[in-house]
Amino acid sequence: MYYAIMSEDVPESLELRQGARSDHIARLETLKDEGRLLLAGPFPAVDTTEPGDAGFSGSLVIAEFESLEDAHAWANADPYVAAGVYKSVIVKPYKPVLP
């Protein structure tokens, strides 16, 4: 089943993100290579795809896991969590409908 992992950043998270980004992306690449990643990306802190110094306000990952517990475990092991980027993480079952 798919699960949506919605994370909200702490204020002024850009430097923290940059320090952990390569490890964060590597984990997403693994999900992609396993055919389990539906989509992933950050929420720009301002209304543009290139927010510059404004940075990001959070992230969304939708991926396939065996269970809600497995999705929580994967989310909790994210390098952004360890680096203090996220102030909160919500994991919910997700059902793709369209397209």
N, C-alpha and C. Protein backbone atom coordinates (compact mmCIF):
# COMPACT_ATOMS: atom_id res chain seq x y z
N MET A 1 0.85 -1.17 0.00
CA MET A 1 0.00 0.00 0.00
C MET A 1 0.89 1.23 0.00
N TYR A 2 0.34 2.32 -0.56
CA TYR A 2 1.06 3.59 -0.55
C TYR A 2 0.78 4.34 0.74
N TYR A 3 1.78 5.13 1.16
CA TYR A 3 1.66 5.98 2.34
C TYR A 3 2.21 7.36 2.00
N ALA A 4 1.50 8.38 2.48
CA ALA A 4 1.95 9.76 2.34
C ALA A 4 2.71 10.15 3.60
N ILE A 5 3.91 10.64 3.41
CA ILE A 5 4.74 11.12 4.52
C ILE A 5 4.87 12.62 4.35
N MET A 6 4.19 13.36 5.22
CA MET A 6 4.13 14.82 5.14
C MET A 6 4.92 15.40 6.30
N SER A 7 5.95 16.15 5.97
CA SER A 7 6.84 16.69 7.00
C SER A 7 6.82 18.20 6.98
N GLU A 8 6.88 18.78 8.16
CA GLU A 8 6.93 20.23 8.30
C GLU A 8 8.28 20.61 8.90
N ASP A 9 8.94 21.58 8.26
CA ASP A 9 10.26 22.01 8.70
C ASP A 9 10.20 22.92 9.92
N VAL A 10 11.33 22.94 10.64
CA VAL A 10 11.53 23.96 11.67
C VAL A 10 11.79 25.28 10.94
N PRO A 11 11.63 26.42 11.61
CA PRO A 11 11.99 27.70 10.97
C PRO A 11 13.48 27.72 10.60
N GLU A 12 13.77 28.42 9.52
CA GLU A 12 15.17 28.60 9.10
C GLU A 12 15.88 27.26 8.90
N SER A 13 15.26 26.35 8.17
CA SER A 13 15.78 24.99 8.03
C SER A 13 16.76 24.81 6.87
N LEU A 14 16.95 25.83 6.04
CA LEU A 14 17.70 25.64 4.80
C LEU A 14 19.11 25.09 5.03
N GLU A 15 19.84 25.62 5.96
CA GLU A 15 21.21 25.14 6.21
C GLU A 15 21.20 23.69 6.71
N LEU A 16 20.25 23.37 7.57
CA LEU A 16 20.12 21.99 8.05
C LEU A 16 19.80 21.04 6.90
N ARG A 17 18.90 21.47 6.01
CA ARG A 17 18.55 20.67 4.84
C ARG A 17 19.77 20.41 3.97
N GLN A 18 20.51 21.47 3.70
CA GLN A 18 21.67 21.34 2.83
C GLN A 18 22.69 20.36 3.38
N GLY A 19 22.86 20.33 4.69
CA GLY A 19 23.82 19.43 5.31
C GLY A 19 23.43 17.96 5.23
N ALA A 20 22.14 17.67 5.15
CA ALA A 20 21.67 16.28 5.14
C ALA A 20 21.08 15.85 3.80
N ARG A 21 21.07 16.75 2.82
CA ARG A 21 20.36 16.50 1.57
C ARG A 21 20.87 15.27 0.82
N SER A 22 22.17 15.09 0.70
CA SER A 22 22.67 13.96 -0.10
C SER A 22 22.22 12.62 0.49
N ASP A 23 22.25 12.48 1.80
CA ASP A 23 21.78 11.23 2.43
C ASP A 23 20.27 11.07 2.27
N HIS A 24 19.54 12.17 2.38
CA HIS A 24 18.08 12.14 2.21
C HIS A 24 17.73 11.68 0.79
N ILE A 25 18.39 12.27 -0.20
CA ILE A 25 18.12 11.92 -1.60
C ILE A 25 18.51 10.48 -1.89
N ALA A 26 19.60 10.01 -1.30
CA ALA A 26 20.03 8.62 -1.52
C ALA A 26 18.95 7.63 -1.09
N ARG A 27 18.29 7.91 0.03
CA ARG A 27 17.22 7.02 0.49
C ARG A 27 16.04 7.03 -0.48
N LEU A 28 15.73 8.21 -1.01
CA LEU A 28 14.65 8.31 -1.99
C LEU A 28 15.01 7.57 -3.28
N GLU A 29 16.27 7.67 -3.68
CA GLU A 29 16.73 6.96 -4.88
C GLU A 29 16.59 5.44 -4.70
N THR A 30 16.84 4.96 -3.49
CA THR A 30 16.67 3.53 -3.21
C THR A 30 15.21 3.12 -3.39
N LEU A 31 14.29 3.92 -2.83
CA LEU A 31 12.86 3.62 -3.04
C LEU A 31 12.51 3.63 -4.52
N LYS A 32 13.04 4.60 -5.24
CA LYS A 32 12.78 4.70 -6.69
C LYS A 32 13.31 3.46 -7.41
N ASP A 33 14.54 3.07 -7.11
CA ASP A 33 15.15 1.91 -7.76
C ASP A 33 14.37 0.63 -7.46
N GLU A 34 13.74 0.56 -6.30
CA GLU A 34 12.93 -0.59 -5.92
C GLU A 34 11.51 -0.54 -6.50
N GLY A 35 11.19 0.55 -7.22
CA GLY A 35 9.87 0.71 -7.81
C GLY A 35 8.79 1.05 -6.80
N ARG A 36 9.17 1.62 -5.65
CA ARG A 36 8.22 1.88 -4.57
C ARG A 36 7.88 3.36 -4.41
N LEU A 37 8.59 4.25 -5.10
CA LEU A 37 8.39 5.69 -4.94
C LEU A 37 7.41 6.21 -5.97
N LEU A 38 6.31 6.79 -5.50
CA LEU A 38 5.34 7.40 -6.40
C LEU A 38 5.74 8.84 -6.71
N LEU A 39 6.09 9.60 -5.66
CA LEU A 39 6.59 10.97 -5.84
C LEU A 39 7.24 11.46 -4.57
N ALA A 40 8.07 12.48 -4.73
CA ALA A 40 8.73 13.09 -3.57
C ALA A 40 9.17 14.49 -3.94
N GLY A 41 9.10 15.39 -2.97
CA GLY A 41 9.58 16.74 -3.20
C GLY A 41 9.29 17.65 -2.03
N PRO A 42 9.96 18.81 -2.03
CA PRO A 42 9.78 19.77 -0.95
C PRO A 42 8.68 20.78 -1.26
N PHE A 43 8.22 21.45 -0.21
CA PHE A 43 7.29 22.57 -0.33
C PHE A 43 8.10 23.87 -0.26
N PRO A 44 8.20 24.63 -1.35
CA PRO A 44 8.91 25.91 -1.27
C PRO A 44 8.24 26.83 -0.23
N ALA A 45 9.07 27.56 0.50
CA ALA A 45 8.56 28.47 1.54
C ALA A 45 7.88 29.70 0.95
N VAL A 46 8.16 29.98 -0.32
CA VAL A 46 7.53 31.10 -1.03
C VAL A 46 6.97 30.58 -2.35
N ASP A 47 6.15 31.37 -3.00
CA ASP A 47 5.42 30.95 -4.20
C ASP A 47 6.30 30.97 -5.45
N THR A 48 7.27 30.07 -5.49
CA THR A 48 8.14 29.90 -6.65
C THR A 48 8.80 28.53 -6.56
N THR A 49 9.18 27.97 -7.69
CA THR A 49 9.85 26.67 -7.67
C THR A 49 11.30 26.78 -7.22
N GLU A 50 11.87 27.98 -7.27
CA GLU A 50 13.25 28.22 -6.83
C GLU A 50 13.24 29.25 -5.70
N PRO A 51 13.02 28.84 -4.45
CA PRO A 51 12.83 29.79 -3.37
C PRO A 51 14.11 30.46 -2.85
N GLY A 52 15.27 30.05 -3.34
CA GLY A 52 16.51 30.67 -2.90
C GLY A 52 16.68 30.60 -1.39
N ASP A 53 17.07 31.73 -0.79
CA ASP A 53 17.33 31.77 0.65
C ASP A 53 16.08 31.57 1.50
N ALA A 54 14.88 31.69 0.90
CA ALA A 54 13.64 31.45 1.66
C ALA A 54 13.54 29.97 2.05
N GLY A 55 14.14 29.11 1.24
CA GLY A 55 14.17 27.69 1.56
C GLY A 55 12.83 26.99 1.39
N PHE A 56 12.60 26.02 2.23
CA PHE A 56 11.44 25.15 2.12
C PHE A 56 10.72 25.05 3.45
N SER A 57 9.43 24.73 3.39
CA SER A 57 8.63 24.65 4.61
C SER A 57 8.31 23.22 5.01
N GLY A 58 8.70 22.26 4.17
CA GLY A 58 8.42 20.86 4.47
C GLY A 58 8.62 20.00 3.25
N SER A 59 8.17 18.75 3.34
CA SER A 59 8.36 17.79 2.26
C SER A 59 7.17 16.83 2.18
N LEU A 60 7.01 16.23 1.00
CA LEU A 60 6.01 15.20 0.79
C LEU A 60 6.68 14.02 0.09
N VAL A 61 6.49 12.84 0.64
CA VAL A 61 6.94 11.60 0.01
C VAL A 61 5.74 10.68 -0.04
N ILE A 62 5.47 10.11 -1.20
CA ILE A 62 4.44 9.08 -1.31
C ILE A 62 5.13 7.85 -1.86
N ALA A 63 5.13 6.79 -1.05
CA ALA A 63 5.84 5.57 -1.41
C ALA A 63 5.10 4.35 -0.88
N GLU A 64 5.47 3.21 -1.44
CA GLU A 64 4.85 1.94 -1.06
C GLU A 64 5.64 1.28 0.07
N PHE A 65 4.91 0.85 1.09
CA PHE A 65 5.49 0.12 2.21
C PHE A 65 4.59 -1.05 2.54
N GLU A 66 5.12 -2.02 3.27
CA GLU A 66 4.34 -3.20 3.66
C GLU A 66 3.24 -2.86 4.65
N SER A 67 3.49 -1.85 5.48
CA SER A 67 2.52 -1.52 6.53
C SER A 67 2.72 -0.08 6.97
N LEU A 68 1.75 0.42 7.72
CA LEU A 68 1.87 1.75 8.31
C LEU A 68 3.08 1.82 9.24
N GLU A 69 3.31 0.77 9.98
CA GLU A 69 4.46 0.73 10.89
C GLU A 69 5.77 0.84 10.12
N ASP A 70 5.86 0.15 8.97
CA ASP A 70 7.06 0.23 8.15
C ASP A 70 7.25 1.64 7.58
N ALA A 71 6.15 2.27 7.19
CA ALA A 71 6.24 3.64 6.68
C ALA A 71 6.70 4.59 7.78
N HIS A 72 6.18 4.42 8.99
CA HIS A 72 6.62 5.25 10.12
C HIS A 72 8.11 5.03 10.40
N ALA A 73 8.54 3.78 10.39
CA ALA A 73 9.94 3.48 10.67
C ALA A 73 10.85 4.11 9.62
N TRP A 74 10.45 4.03 8.35
CA TRP A 74 11.24 4.64 7.28
C TRP A 74 11.30 6.15 7.47
N ALA A 75 10.16 6.77 7.76
CA ALA A 75 10.10 8.22 7.95
C ALA A 75 10.95 8.65 9.14
N ASN A 76 10.90 7.91 10.22
CA ASN A 76 11.66 8.27 11.43
C ASN A 76 13.16 8.13 11.24
N ALA A 77 13.59 7.32 10.27
CA ALA A 77 15.01 7.13 10.00
C ALA A 77 15.56 8.10 8.97
N ASP A 78 14.74 9.04 8.52
CA ASP A 78 15.17 10.01 7.51
C ASP A 78 16.32 10.87 8.04
N PRO A 79 17.35 11.10 7.25
CA PRO A 79 18.44 11.98 7.68
C PRO A 79 17.98 13.39 8.04
N TYR A 80 16.89 13.85 7.46
CA TYR A 80 16.38 15.16 7.83
C TYR A 80 15.85 15.17 9.26
N VAL A 81 15.32 14.04 9.72
CA VAL A 81 14.88 13.92 11.11
C VAL A 81 16.09 14.02 12.03
N ALA A 82 17.13 13.24 11.71
CA ALA A 82 18.34 13.24 12.54
C ALA A 82 19.02 14.60 12.56
N ALA A 83 18.92 15.34 11.45
CA ALA A 83 19.57 16.66 11.35
C ALA A 83 18.74 17.77 11.98
N GLY A 84 17.51 17.45 12.41
CA GLY A 84 16.67 18.47 13.03
C GLY A 84 15.93 19.36 12.05
N VAL A 85 15.80 18.92 10.80
CA VAL A 85 15.09 19.71 9.77
C VAL A 85 13.60 19.74 10.06
N TYR A 86 13.04 18.60 10.44
CA TYR A 86 11.59 18.49 10.60
C TYR A 86 11.17 18.74 12.04
N LYS A 87 10.11 19.55 12.19
CA LYS A 87 9.51 19.69 13.52
C LYS A 87 8.36 18.73 13.70
N SER A 88 7.79 18.24 12.59
CA SER A 88 6.72 17.24 12.68
C SER A 88 6.69 16.40 11.41
N VAL A 89 6.25 15.15 11.58
CA VAL A 89 6.11 14.22 10.47
C VAL A 89 4.79 13.48 10.66
N ILE A 90 3.97 13.48 9.64
CA ILE A 90 2.69 12.76 9.65
C ILE A 90 2.76 11.69 8.57
N VAL A 91 2.35 10.48 8.91
CA VAL A 91 2.31 9.37 7.95
C VAL A 91 0.88 8.86 7.89
N LYS A 92 0.34 8.79 6.66
CA LYS A 92 -1.04 8.32 6.47
C LYS A 92 -1.11 7.38 5.27
N PRO A 93 -2.01 6.40 5.32
CA PRO A 93 -2.26 5.60 4.12
C PRO A 93 -2.72 6.51 2.99
N TYR A 94 -2.35 6.15 1.76
CA TYR A 94 -2.68 6.96 0.59
C TYR A 94 -3.17 6.05 -0.52
N LYS A 95 -4.25 6.46 -1.16
CA LYS A 95 -4.82 5.69 -2.27
C LYS A 95 -4.76 6.52 -3.55
N PRO A 96 -3.85 6.17 -4.49
CA PRO A 96 -3.82 6.89 -5.76
C PRO A 96 -5.10 6.62 -6.56
N VAL A 97 -5.68 7.67 -7.12
CA VAL A 97 -6.89 7.52 -7.92
C VAL A 97 -6.68 8.04 -9.35
N LEU A 98 -6.16 9.23 -9.49
CA LEU A 98 -5.94 9.83 -10.81
C LEU A 98 -4.51 10.33 -10.92
N PRO A 99 -3.89 10.44 -12.01
CA PRO A 99 -4.39 10.02 -13.33
C PRO A 99 -4.30 8.54 -13.51
